[in-house]
């Protein structure tokens, strides 16, 4: 019982430390104020989860109580550590975008469904087939653009469909909605992500739509990319905050489907997953021909182009 008291005392001290952090005056800049509020929300949620776990542990037999509380404490500290890393990643994003709230002004009349941007997700009339070897098997992704139109927030969008499978078994079917601005930038207005388990629809996690729940669209293909350009690909606070940075303009890529020159190279990441970075290699008038996970080195390579 003394050990239990000491464990709870440690948590109370840690909670006090969090409270003192909350008293720190926020920045005057909108992005940082929002970022700090999200950090405090994550910290309080971690504490709430800890106490819920403690309550459940106290209902266990006496020989399991301390073990349960220790596990709850480790989970709580890990959650706070992750929240701190996410906070730092978001602070970096704030600096990249000038410390202002992300709130693009969308004028539907300025968008069209004719996609001429040569760095679009995939050229019309093509189906790009990529494969990646993972510990679980061969992941296959088929990407194509259809003529189906969907109106999102007043904007008529084309549909880019991605079919993902693992060793031949369908795992995800995603419909992405895109439209081209009059500047020729291709914007991303939402998606329906249908995830499957054992051939049965399991959930729609990750689905979003511009104008619903405060979600904002982002750019998938800038009109005139330059090295160092940074842009948001989508923004749903706390759910998806994807960012892209142009790192190269003229790369040559060799993949099973062939040799592709003059590729645009974009680094992509989400502050909510602060240790994961992806490099996308986009061939002009084709689409993504290679993706490389910078952490694991895994490569999703174009293996076939279907017409």
Foldseek 3Di string as FASTA:
>chain_A
DVVVVVLVVVVVVVVVVLVVVVPPDFDPFPLRVVLVVVLNVQLVVLVVQLVVQLVVLVVDPPVRNVVSNVVSVVSSVVSNVLSVLLSVLSVVVCVLVVRHDDDDDDDQVQWDADADQQAPQFFAPKWWWWWWQDPQAIKIKIWHWDQDWDAAPNHTWTWIWIWIDGPPHTFWIKTWTWIAGNLNWIKTFWMFIFGDDPNHGDDRQPTDGPPPQPKHIWTDGDSDDDAQDKIWHIDDPPRFTKIKGWHDQWDWDQFQAGIATRWTWIWMDTSSPNPWIKIFTGGGNGHTAWIATPVPRIITGGNDMDD
